[in-house]
Protein backbone atom coordinates (compact mmCIF):
# COMPACT_ATOMS: atom_id res chain seq x y z
CA MET A 1 -34.57 3.00 53.66
CA LYS A 2 -31.49 2.20 51.63
CA LYS A 3 -29.45 5.13 50.53
CA LYS A 4 -29.34 5.48 46.72
CA LEU A 5 -25.81 4.90 45.55
CA SER A 6 -24.28 6.96 42.76
CA TYR A 7 -22.85 5.28 39.69
CA ARG A 8 -19.30 5.89 40.97
CA ASP A 9 -20.11 4.30 44.33
CA LYS A 10 -21.54 1.26 42.53
CA LEU A 11 -18.28 0.92 40.62
CA LEU A 12 -16.30 1.20 43.87
CA GLU A 13 -18.50 -1.50 45.46
CA LEU A 14 -17.77 -3.77 42.52
CA ALA A 15 -14.05 -3.10 42.93
CA PHE A 16 -14.17 -4.03 46.63
CA ILE A 17 -16.33 -7.13 45.94
CA TYR A 18 -13.92 -8.44 43.31
CA ASN A 19 -10.90 -7.29 45.35
CA VAL A 20 -9.34 -5.01 42.71
CA LYS A 21 -6.05 -4.03 44.36
CA GLU A 22 -5.31 -1.09 42.06
CA ILE A 23 -8.53 0.75 43.01
CA LYS A 24 -8.07 -0.12 46.72
CA GLU A 25 -4.60 1.44 46.68
CA TYR A 26 -5.98 4.62 45.11
CA GLU A 27 -8.69 4.80 47.77
CA LYS A 28 -6.16 4.23 50.58
CA ASN A 29 -4.01 7.09 49.25
CA LYS A 30 -7.17 9.21 49.05
CA LYS A 31 -6.78 9.71 45.33
CA GLN A 32 -10.23 9.94 43.86
CA LEU A 33 -10.64 8.26 40.50
CA THR A 34 -13.27 9.39 38.03
CA SER A 35 -16.01 7.02 36.92
CA GLY A 36 -14.37 6.77 33.50
CA GLN A 37 -11.05 5.69 35.05
CA LEU A 38 -12.86 3.19 37.28
CA GLU A 39 -14.63 1.76 34.19
CA LEU A 40 -11.28 1.26 32.44
CA ILE A 41 -9.66 -0.50 35.43
CA LEU A 42 -12.68 -2.80 35.91
CA LYS A 43 -12.72 -3.65 32.20
CA LYS A 44 -9.00 -4.36 32.35
CA ASN A 45 -9.70 -6.86 35.14
CA SER A 46 -12.54 -8.35 32.99
CA ILE A 47 -15.31 -7.35 35.42
CA ALA A 48 -18.79 -6.70 34.00
CA ILE A 49 -19.97 -3.11 34.55
CA PRO A 50 -23.62 -2.48 35.54
CA LYS A 51 -25.67 -0.36 33.18
CA ASP A 52 -27.81 2.56 34.31
CA PHE A 53 -31.44 1.64 33.46
CA LYS A 54 -32.91 5.01 34.36
CA THR A 55 -33.87 5.97 30.84
CA SER A 56 -36.62 8.34 29.87
CA PHE A 57 -39.84 7.43 28.07
CA ILE A 58 -38.72 9.20 24.87
CA LYS A 59 -35.36 7.39 24.89
CA GLU A 60 -37.00 3.98 25.30
CA ASN A 61 -39.84 4.45 22.81
CA PHE A 62 -38.29 6.69 20.14
CA THR A 63 -34.51 7.07 20.17
CA LYS A 64 -33.66 3.40 20.72
CA PRO A 65 -35.94 2.08 17.91
CA ILE A 66 -34.55 4.72 15.54
CA ALA A 67 -31.01 3.74 16.50
CA LYS A 68 -31.85 0.08 15.88
CA ILE A 69 -33.28 0.90 12.44
CA ARG A 70 -30.16 2.88 11.67
CA THR A 71 -27.86 0.01 12.67
CA ASN A 72 -29.97 -2.42 10.63
CA LEU A 73 -29.67 -0.14 7.61
CA PHE A 74 -25.89 0.05 8.08
CA GLU A 75 -25.72 -3.73 8.38
CA PHE A 76 -27.85 -4.15 5.25
CA LYS A 77 -25.57 -1.73 3.42
CA ASN A 78 -22.48 -3.62 4.57
CA ASN A 79 -24.03 -6.93 3.52
CA GLN A 80 -24.82 -5.52 0.07
CA ILE A 81 -21.23 -4.27 -0.27
CA LYS A 82 -19.97 -7.71 0.80
CA ALA A 83 -22.25 -9.44 -1.70
CA THR A 84 -21.12 -7.23 -4.59
CA TYR A 85 -17.52 -7.69 -3.53
CA LYS A 86 -17.99 -11.50 -3.47
CA VAL A 87 -19.56 -11.46 -6.96
CA PHE A 88 -16.70 -9.31 -8.21
CA ARG A 89 -14.15 -11.66 -6.67
CA LYS A 90 -15.90 -14.70 -8.17
CA THR A 91 -15.88 -13.17 -11.67
CA GLU A 92 -12.23 -12.22 -11.26
CA ASN A 93 -11.37 -15.75 -10.09
CA PHE A 94 -13.35 -17.22 -13.01
CA LYS A 95 -11.39 -15.04 -15.46
CA HIS A 96 -8.09 -16.04 -13.87
CA ASP A 97 -9.06 -19.74 -13.99
CA ILE A 98 -9.95 -19.53 -17.71
CA LYS A 99 -6.68 -17.74 -18.44
CA ARG A 100 -4.73 -20.34 -16.50
CA LYS A 101 -6.45 -23.22 -18.31
CA ILE A 102 -5.84 -21.68 -21.75
CA SER A 103 -2.21 -20.91 -20.96
CA GLY A 104 -1.78 -24.43 -19.52
CA ASN A 105 -3.22 -26.04 -22.64
CA LEU A 106 -1.03 -23.91 -24.91
CA LYS A 107 2.03 -24.84 -22.86
CA ASN A 108 1.17 -28.53 -23.10
CA LEU A 109 0.71 -28.24 -26.89
CA TRP A 110 4.01 -26.43 -27.19
CA LYS A 111 5.75 -29.09 -25.10
CA SER A 112 4.24 -31.94 -27.12
CA ALA A 113 5.23 -30.23 -30.41
CA GLY A 114 8.75 -29.79 -29.06
CA LYS A 115 8.91 -33.46 -28.11
CA VAL A 116 7.76 -34.52 -31.62
CA GLY A 117 10.36 -32.24 -33.18
CA LEU A 118 13.14 -33.61 -30.97
CA ASN A 119 12.11 -37.18 -31.74
CA PHE A 120 12.15 -36.41 -35.47
CA LEU A 121 15.60 -34.83 -35.18
CA ASN A 122 16.79 -37.91 -33.29
CA ILE A 123 15.45 -40.15 -36.09
CA ILE A 124 17.29 -38.25 -38.91
CA PRO A 125 20.81 -39.52 -38.09
CA THR A 126 19.55 -43.10 -37.85
CA LEU A 127 17.80 -42.74 -41.23
CA GLY A 128 20.99 -41.29 -42.75
CA GLN A 129 23.01 -44.17 -41.42
CA THR A 130 20.58 -46.74 -42.89
CA PHE A 131 20.57 -45.01 -46.31
CA TYR A 132 24.35 -44.74 -46.24
CA LYS A 133 24.77 -48.41 -45.38
CA PHE A 134 22.23 -49.45 -48.06
CA PHE A 135 23.88 -47.50 -50.92
CA ALA A 136 27.37 -48.38 -49.67
CA LYS A 137 26.50 -52.08 -49.87
CA ILE A 138 25.06 -51.70 -53.40
CA LEU A 139 28.14 -49.83 -54.64
CA THR A 140 30.56 -52.24 -53.02
CA ASP A 141 28.68 -55.17 -54.57
CA VAL A 142 28.73 -53.53 -58.03
CA PHE A 143 32.45 -52.75 -57.85
CA ASN A 144 33.21 -56.19 -56.54
CA GLU A 145 31.32 -57.76 -59.46
CA ILE A 146 33.14 -55.48 -61.96
CA TYR A 147 36.48 -56.33 -60.36
CA ASN A 148 35.72 -60.03 -60.27
CA GLN A 149 34.63 -60.21 -63.93
CA GLN A 150 37.38 -60.46 -66.53
CA ILE A 151 36.60 -57.84 -69.19
CA ALA A 152 38.60 -57.30 -72.33
CA PRO A 153 40.60 -54.02 -72.35
CA LYS A 154 39.15 -52.87 -75.69
CA SER A 155 35.53 -53.26 -74.60
CA ALA A 156 36.30 -51.51 -71.25
CA LYS A 157 37.76 -48.52 -73.09
CA THR A 158 34.71 -48.23 -75.37
CA ALA A 159 32.35 -48.48 -72.37
CA ILE A 160 34.17 -45.69 -70.52
CA ILE A 161 34.14 -43.44 -73.64
CA VAL A 162 30.38 -44.01 -74.13
CA MET A 163 29.69 -43.15 -70.46
CA CYS A 164 31.68 -39.90 -70.71
CA VAL A 165 29.84 -38.88 -73.90
CA ILE A 166 26.43 -39.50 -72.29
CA VAL A 167 27.30 -37.48 -69.15
CA GLY A 168 28.64 -34.54 -71.22
CA ALA A 169 25.58 -34.48 -73.51
CA THR A 170 23.13 -34.44 -70.57
CA THR A 171 24.98 -31.60 -68.84
CA ILE A 172 24.97 -29.46 -72.04
CA ILE A 173 21.22 -30.01 -72.58
CA ILE A 174 20.29 -29.11 -68.95
CA SER A 175 22.44 -25.93 -69.00
CA ASN A 176 20.85 -24.77 -72.30
CA LEU A 177 17.33 -25.32 -70.92
CA THR A 178 18.01 -23.23 -67.78
CA ASN A 179 19.54 -20.40 -69.84
CA PHE A 180 16.50 -20.41 -72.14
CA ASP A 181 14.15 -20.08 -69.10
CA ASP A 182 16.18 -17.13 -67.76
CA VAL A 183 15.98 -15.32 -71.11
CA VAL A 184 12.20 -15.78 -71.26
CA LYS A 185 11.79 -14.39 -67.70
CA ILE A 186 13.93 -11.32 -68.47
CA GLU A 187 11.85 -10.56 -71.58
CA LYS A 188 8.61 -10.81 -69.54
CA VAL A 189 9.94 -8.43 -66.90
CA GLU A 190 11.00 -5.87 -69.50
CA LYS A 191 7.52 -6.01 -71.02
CA VAL A 192 5.78 -5.51 -67.67
CA LYS A 193 7.91 -2.56 -66.42
CA PRO A 194 6.88 0.02 -69.06
CA ALA A 195 3.20 -0.80 -68.48
CA GLN A 196 3.58 -0.15 -64.75
CA GLU A 197 5.43 3.12 -65.34
CA LYS A 198 2.65 4.31 -67.60
CA LYS A 199 0.06 3.58 -64.89
CA VAL A 200 2.00 5.63 -62.34
CA VAL A 201 2.35 8.55 -64.73
CA GLU A 202 -1.36 8.46 -65.39
CA LYS A 203 -2.22 8.55 -61.63
CA GLU A 204 -0.03 11.54 -60.72
CA PRO A 205 -2.02 14.21 -62.59
CA LYS A 206 -5.17 13.10 -60.71
CA VAL A 207 -3.81 14.43 -57.36
CA LYS A 208 -5.67 17.62 -56.43
CA THR A 209 -3.88 20.89 -55.68
CA GLN A 210 -5.80 21.32 -52.37
CA GLN A 211 -4.41 18.04 -51.06
CA LYS A 212 -0.86 19.19 -51.88
CA LYS A 213 -1.44 22.44 -49.95
CA GLU A 214 -2.79 20.52 -46.95
CA ILE A 215 0.26 18.22 -47.01
CA LYS A 216 2.61 21.23 -47.04
CA GLU A 217 0.76 22.88 -44.13
CA LEU A 218 0.96 19.66 -42.09
CA GLU A 219 4.70 19.42 -42.78
CA LYS A 220 5.16 23.00 -41.52
CA LEU A 221 3.18 22.28 -38.34
CA THR A 222 5.16 19.13 -37.60
CA ALA A 223 8.42 21.04 -38.15
CA LYS A 224 7.29 23.68 -35.62
CA LYS A 225 6.30 21.01 -33.09
CA GLU A 226 9.67 19.32 -33.37
CA LYS A 227 11.47 22.57 -32.57
CA LYS A 228 9.62 23.07 -29.23
CA PRO A 229 11.48 21.88 -26.07
CA GLU A 230 10.23 19.04 -23.88
CA LEU A 231 8.63 19.85 -20.52
CA LYS A 232 9.12 17.59 -17.48
CA VAL A 233 6.53 17.76 -14.71
CA LYS A 234 6.98 15.86 -11.46
CA LYS A 235 3.90 14.75 -9.53
CA ASN A 236 3.99 13.13 -6.12
CA ASN A 237 1.11 10.65 -6.06
CA VAL A 238 1.22 9.00 -2.63
CA ALA A 239 -1.00 5.91 -2.54
CA GLU A 240 -3.17 6.56 0.53
CA VAL A 241 -6.20 4.54 1.56
CA ILE A 242 -8.63 6.61 3.67
CA LEU A 243 -11.47 4.44 4.93
CA PRO A 244 -14.74 6.39 5.40
CA ASP A 245 -17.19 6.30 8.30
CA LEU A 246 -19.06 3.13 7.26
CA ASN A 247 -19.66 1.74 10.77
CA LEU A 248 -17.26 -1.09 9.99
CA LYS A 249 -17.22 -4.33 11.92
CA THR A 250 -14.08 -5.97 13.29
CA GLU A 251 -14.49 -8.95 10.95
CA THR A 252 -14.43 -6.73 7.84
CA VAL A 253 -11.41 -4.85 9.21
CA LEU A 254 -9.49 -8.10 9.74
CA ASN A 255 -10.43 -9.32 6.23
CA LEU A 256 -9.22 -6.02 4.80
CA PHE A 257 -5.87 -6.42 6.58
CA LYS A 258 -5.53 -9.91 5.02
CA ASP A 259 -6.34 -8.62 1.52
CA VAL A 260 -3.75 -5.85 1.82
CA ASP A 261 -1.10 -8.14 3.45
CA TYR A 262 -0.88 -5.86 6.50
CA ASP A 263 1.21 -7.84 9.01
CA LEU A 264 2.91 -6.34 12.09
CA ARG A 265 5.79 -8.83 11.81
CA GLN A 266 6.67 -7.40 8.41
CA VAL A 267 6.29 -3.84 9.74
CA ARG A 268 8.69 -4.65 12.59
CA SER A 269 11.29 -6.18 10.25
CA LYS A 270 11.03 -3.83 7.23
CA LYS A 271 10.23 -0.67 9.26
CA ILE A 272 7.61 0.35 6.68
CA VAL A 273 3.83 0.71 7.08
CA LYS A 274 1.12 1.22 4.46
CA PRO A 275 -0.84 4.51 4.63
CA ILE A 276 -4.24 3.05 5.58
CA TYR A 277 -6.18 5.66 7.55
CA PHE A 278 -9.27 4.61 9.51
CA THR A 279 -11.70 7.39 10.48
CA GLN A 280 -13.06 5.45 13.49
CA PHE A 281 -12.74 2.19 15.42
CA PRO A 282 -15.05 -0.78 14.73
CA LYS A 283 -17.86 -0.71 17.29
CA ASP A 284 -17.54 -4.40 18.15
CA LEU A 285 -13.78 -4.40 18.79
CA ASP A 286 -14.36 -5.28 22.44
CA ASN A 287 -16.14 -8.52 21.38
CA LEU A 288 -12.82 -10.07 20.33
CA GLN A 289 -12.01 -12.79 22.88
CA ASN A 290 -8.34 -13.00 21.91
CA SER A 291 -6.65 -10.09 23.71
CA ARG A 292 -3.51 -10.36 21.56
CA LEU A 293 -5.55 -10.04 18.34
CA LYS A 294 -7.43 -7.08 19.83
CA LYS A 295 -4.18 -5.28 20.64
CA GLU A 296 -2.70 -6.01 17.20
CA THR A 297 -5.85 -4.68 15.50
CA PHE A 298 -5.66 -1.50 17.62
CA ILE A 299 -1.97 -0.98 16.72
CA LYS A 300 -2.66 -1.58 12.99
CA ILE A 301 -5.37 1.11 13.03
CA VAL A 302 -3.48 3.74 15.07
CA LEU A 303 0.13 3.25 13.84
CA PRO A 304 -0.26 4.76 10.31
CA LEU A 305 -2.04 7.82 11.78
CA ILE A 306 0.81 8.53 14.24
CA VAL A 307 3.54 7.93 11.63
CA ALA A 308 1.76 10.20 9.10
CA GLU A 309 1.55 13.08 11.58
CA ASN A 310 5.19 12.61 12.66
CA GLU A 311 6.31 12.72 9.01
CA ARG A 312 4.28 15.92 8.49
CA ILE A 313 6.06 17.50 11.48
CA LEU A 314 9.48 16.37 10.21
CA ALA A 315 8.73 17.91 6.78
CA ASP A 316 7.80 21.22 8.47
CA ARG A 317 10.96 21.04 10.61
CA LYS A 318 13.12 20.49 7.52
CA LYS A 319 11.48 23.45 5.79
CA LEU A 320 12.01 25.67 8.86
CA ASN A 321 15.72 24.77 9.02
CA LYS A 322 16.07 25.57 5.32
CA ILE A 323 14.33 28.96 5.63
CA SER A 324 16.19 29.94 8.82
CA GLY A 325 19.51 29.23 7.07
CA LYS A 326 18.75 31.76 4.31
CA LYS A 327 19.87 35.39 4.36
CA PHE A 328 16.77 36.63 2.55
CA THR A 329 13.27 35.16 2.81
CA SER A 330 10.32 35.61 0.47
CA ASP A 331 6.88 36.89 1.49
CA LEU A 332 5.41 33.40 1.22
CA GLU A 333 8.12 32.00 3.52
CA LYS A 334 7.51 34.77 6.06
CA LYS A 335 3.78 34.08 5.96
CA TRP A 336 4.43 30.34 6.51
CA ILE A 337 6.68 31.05 9.54
CA LYS A 338 3.99 33.33 11.08
CA GLN A 339 1.42 30.59 10.62
CA LYS A 340 3.67 28.02 12.36
CA LEU A 341 4.45 30.43 15.23
CA LEU A 342 0.70 30.72 15.86
CA GLU A 343 0.18 26.95 15.51
CA TYR A 344 2.89 26.12 18.07
CA LYS A 345 1.96 29.10 20.34
CA VAL A 346 5.45 30.65 20.23
CA LYS A 347 5.69 34.21 21.57
CA LYS A 348 7.96 37.01 20.31
CA GLY A 349 8.74 35.11 17.07
CA ASN A 350 11.56 33.03 18.60
CA ILE A 351 12.71 30.57 15.90
CA ASN A 352 14.78 28.47 18.35
CA ASP A 353 11.73 28.01 20.58
CA LEU A 354 9.72 27.04 17.48
CA LEU A 355 12.36 24.41 16.59
CA THR A 356 12.21 22.84 20.06
CA ARG A 357 8.43 22.61 19.84
CA MET A 358 8.23 21.50 16.21
CA ASP A 359 9.32 17.87 16.63
CA ILE A 360 7.91 14.35 16.67
CA ILE A 361 6.28 12.45 19.50
CA PRO A 362 7.94 9.00 19.71
CA THR A 363 5.64 6.37 18.21
CA SER A 364 6.03 4.10 21.24
CA ILE A 365 4.78 6.81 23.65
CA ALA A 366 1.88 7.78 21.36
CA LEU A 367 0.76 4.15 20.99
CA ALA A 368 1.09 3.46 24.73
CA GLN A 369 -0.88 6.57 25.73
CA ALA A 370 -3.57 5.85 23.12
CA ALA A 371 -3.89 2.28 24.45
CA LYS A 372 -4.03 3.42 28.09
CA GLU A 373 -6.49 6.29 27.60
CA SER A 374 -8.83 4.51 25.17
CA GLY A 375 -8.75 1.00 26.68
CA TRP A 376 -7.17 -0.33 23.46
CA GLY A 377 -9.87 1.38 21.37
CA THR A 378 -12.87 0.04 23.35
CA SER A 379 -13.77 2.95 25.66
CA ARG A 380 -16.96 4.97 25.22
CA PHE A 381 -14.96 8.12 24.45
CA ALA A 382 -12.97 6.35 21.71
CA LEU A 383 -16.02 4.77 20.07
CA GLU A 384 -18.40 7.76 20.32
CA GLY A 385 -15.99 10.67 19.97
CA ASN A 386 -12.79 9.26 18.35
CA ALA A 387 -10.97 10.41 21.51
CA LEU A 388 -7.75 8.40 21.67
CA PHE A 389 -5.86 10.33 24.35
CA GLY A 390 -8.57 11.42 26.84
CA GLN A 391 -7.92 15.16 26.45
CA TRP A 392 -10.11 17.37 28.62
CA THR A 393 -12.07 20.43 27.47
CA TRP A 394 -14.17 23.07 29.23
CA SER A 395 -15.44 24.91 26.16
CA GLY A 396 -15.20 22.69 23.05
CA ASP A 397 -17.39 19.86 21.80
CA GLY A 398 -16.99 16.91 24.15
CA ILE A 399 -18.49 13.90 25.94
CA ALA A 400 -19.37 14.25 29.60
CA PRO A 401 -18.07 11.37 31.79
CA LEU A 402 -20.77 9.24 33.42
CA GLU A 403 -21.69 10.32 36.96
CA ARG A 404 -19.39 13.35 36.81
CA GLU A 405 -18.98 15.18 40.11
CA SER A 406 -21.28 18.19 40.55
CA ASN A 407 -18.45 20.65 41.20
CA LYS A 408 -16.70 19.75 37.91
CA ASN A 409 -17.79 20.66 34.38
CA HIS A 410 -15.04 19.19 32.20
CA LYS A 411 -15.66 16.98 29.15
CA ILE A 412 -13.56 14.58 27.08
CA LEU A 413 -12.71 16.34 23.82
CA LYS A 414 -14.56 14.93 20.80
CA PHE A 415 -13.14 14.64 17.25
CA PRO A 416 -14.67 14.02 13.79
CA ILE A 417 -11.98 11.46 12.84
CA LEU A 418 -9.16 9.55 14.58
CA ARG A 419 -6.37 11.46 12.81
CA ALA A 420 -7.69 14.77 14.23
CA SER A 421 -7.30 13.28 17.72
CA VAL A 422 -3.67 12.32 16.98
CA LYS A 423 -2.91 15.82 15.65
CA ALA A 424 -4.47 17.53 18.70
CA TYR A 425 -2.53 15.22 21.06
CA GLN A 426 0.81 16.00 19.36
CA ASN A 427 0.03 19.72 19.40
CA ASN A 428 -0.83 19.45 23.12
CA LEU A 429 2.53 17.86 24.04
CA ASN A 430 4.40 20.33 21.81
CA THR A 431 2.73 23.50 23.16
CA HIS A 432 1.34 23.07 26.71
CA LYS A 433 3.37 24.41 29.64
CA SER A 434 2.94 21.13 31.56
CA TYR A 435 5.28 19.35 29.12
CA VAL A 436 8.23 21.78 29.05
CA LYS A 437 10.58 19.10 30.49
CA PHE A 438 9.49 16.68 27.77
CA ARG A 439 10.40 19.19 25.04
CA GLU A 440 13.68 20.19 26.69
CA LYS A 441 14.88 16.60 27.04
CA ARG A 442 13.86 15.85 23.46
CA SER A 443 15.80 18.88 22.12
CA ILE A 444 18.92 17.76 24.06
CA MET A 445 18.66 14.37 22.36
CA ARG A 446 18.37 16.20 19.00
CA ASP A 447 21.44 18.32 19.72
CA LYS A 448 23.44 15.18 20.59
CA LYS A 449 22.20 13.59 17.32
CA ARG A 450 20.65 10.69 19.19
CA SER A 451 17.50 8.83 18.16
CA ILE A 452 14.45 9.99 20.12
CA SER A 453 13.51 7.05 22.36
CA GLY A 454 10.13 6.78 24.05
CA LEU A 455 11.35 4.97 27.17
CA GLU A 456 13.79 7.83 27.90
CA LEU A 457 11.02 10.46 27.73
CA THR A 458 8.14 8.81 29.65
CA ASP A 459 9.34 10.14 33.03
CA THR A 460 8.66 13.71 31.77
CA LEU A 461 4.91 13.00 31.33
CA LYS A 462 3.94 12.90 35.03
CA ASN A 463 1.55 15.83 34.57
CA TYR A 464 -0.53 14.03 31.93
CA ALA A 465 -2.56 12.15 34.57
CA GLN A 466 -3.47 12.66 38.22
CA THR A 467 -1.62 9.50 39.24
CA GLY A 468 1.78 11.02 38.31
CA THR A 469 4.67 8.54 38.52
CA GLU A 470 2.25 5.58 38.59
CA TYR A 471 1.00 6.71 35.17
CA THR A 472 4.54 6.78 33.72
CA LYS A 473 5.23 3.30 35.15
CA ILE A 474 2.12 1.96 33.39
CA LEU A 475 3.28 3.57 30.11
CA ASN A 476 6.70 1.89 30.40
CA GLN A 477 5.03 -1.43 31.12
CA ILE A 478 2.78 -1.15 28.02
CA ILE A 479 5.76 -0.21 25.82
CA ARG A 480 7.90 -3.12 27.05
CA GLN A 481 5.19 -5.79 27.09
CA ASN A 482 4.00 -4.95 23.55
CA ARG A 483 7.49 -4.18 22.08
CA LEU A 484 6.32 -0.75 20.92
CA THR A 485 9.90 0.55 20.53
CA ASP A 486 10.10 -1.58 17.37
CA PHE A 487 7.73 0.91 15.69
CA GLU A 488 9.81 4.06 16.44
CA PRO A 489 11.83 4.02 13.16
CA VAL A 490 8.79 2.98 11.04
CA ARG A 491 8.03 5.14 7.98
CA LEU A 492 5.17 5.30 5.47
CA VAL A 493 5.31 3.59 2.06
CA ASN A 494 5.33 6.40 -0.52
CA SER A 495 4.76 5.57 -4.23
CA VAL A 496 6.05 8.68 -6.02
CA LYS A 497 5.57 8.79 -9.81
CA GLN A 498 7.42 11.06 -12.26
CA ILE A 499 5.30 11.99 -15.31
CA GLU A 500 6.92 13.55 -18.38
CA LEU A 501 4.70 15.82 -20.52
CA SER A 502 5.93 16.84 -23.97
CA SER A 503 4.39 19.95 -25.56
C-alpha cells in the first residue's frame, strides 16, 4: 500500500524531480516552507502545479456549473460593452472624418481663391503698362503731327481760344447740375424729418403706465445686484479614474492603457502617474507569455495605488506639523489628532512618536514586496482576496492556504479592493513592533533631510518573512532588476480647477 502524500509533499516531490535548488536549500537548513510559498517558487521556475481533484459531489454538479454560467454572463456583458464602445468609436471617427473633409475642401477653396486673386493682382500692372504705352503712343503721334504741320499763327490762336471756351462752359454746366441735385436732396430730407417726428410723438402716449413701473423696478433690482460683492469659491476636482469590479480581462486592461497613453517610460522620465485605480487584478494575467509585459502591467496597476496612499500620508504629516507648531488648537484639530493617535497605535499621546510613524513607505519597497508576495499579481490570494502583501490574520476575514498544517490556524487577510490592501500594509509597517528599526532609520533620514530610499531600508525588514536576510536579498534583487527606484519620486497628476461664483 502506497502512503497517501499530502499536497505539500507532492509539491516537494516536484521540486526534487525538477531539481529546484532554492527549495532544496530550505529543506537542508530545515526551514519548512508553506504550501503557498512552495507554489510561488515552483511557478517562478515555470513548473506546472498539480491540482487536487478531490472535489465533492455538490461542488462538481452545482457550484462549478453556476460559476461557469456566471463567467459566461460576465463575458457576455464585457462583449456588449466592447460592442457599444466600438459603435461609439466608429460614429466618433465618422464625425471626425466628415469634419476633416469639409475643412479640407474649404481650405482648398480658400487657397484657389487666393491664387486667383494673386494672379489678378499680378495682371494689373501689366494691363496698366499696356494702356500707358497705347495712350502714350497716340499722344506722341498727335503732337508729332501738330508739330510737323505748318499752321498759321492766327488760326492757332483762334483754335486755342475756342478750346478754352468749350472746357470752361462744360465745367460750369456740370457744377450747376450737381448743386441742383444737392438742393433737391436737402429739400426731401427736410420734408421727411417732420413726418418721422410726428410718428414718434404719436407712439409715446401709447406706452402703458404698468410697463413703466416694471422698468423702474427692474432698474432698482439691477442696481442692488451691482452693489453686492463677488464671491470666489475654490474647488479641488482631482480627475480620478476608479475602475469597478467588472472581472476585466488582461486584453481590455492593455487596451485601456493604450487609450489613456499610460506608458512607464513617460512615468520614469516625467515622474508623474495618472490616478487610475483598479479594484482587482485581471483573472487571466498569468496567461501572458511575455514576462516583461506581465511585470509592466502589474506595476501599472499597483503604482497609482501606492503613490495615492503615500500622498495621503504626506498630507496628514503636513497637517500634523502645522497643528503641533500652534500655541492654541481648536476642538476639531484636537479631535483629528486623537483619531490619528488611535490609527497609528500611539500610546500616551506622544506627538513625536506619531510623527515617526506617520510617514511614507518607499514606492520601490512597496512594489517589490507586492511583486514577491503576490507572484506579480498571479497568486490565488491576490486574485481571490486582493491580498498584495500576504498579511496573516487569526481572526479577520481571510483565505486559508492549501494543505495548511493541522497545528496552525492562520489565514491570508482578504480585502474588498486592492487599495485597501495597500493601506493595511502601510499601516502594518508604520505600527507593528516588528518594524521599529525600519521606522527609526526612516526618521533619521528625515532629520538629515535626505530622500527616503528603498534600498537603504530593506535590511530592516528581516522580520517580514521567515527566511529573514534571504527575503531582504530577494527584495533588493527585484528592485535593482526592475529599476523600481525610478518610481520613488513619482507623484499623481492633479487637475485642480478654480471656479468663481458671483452672487
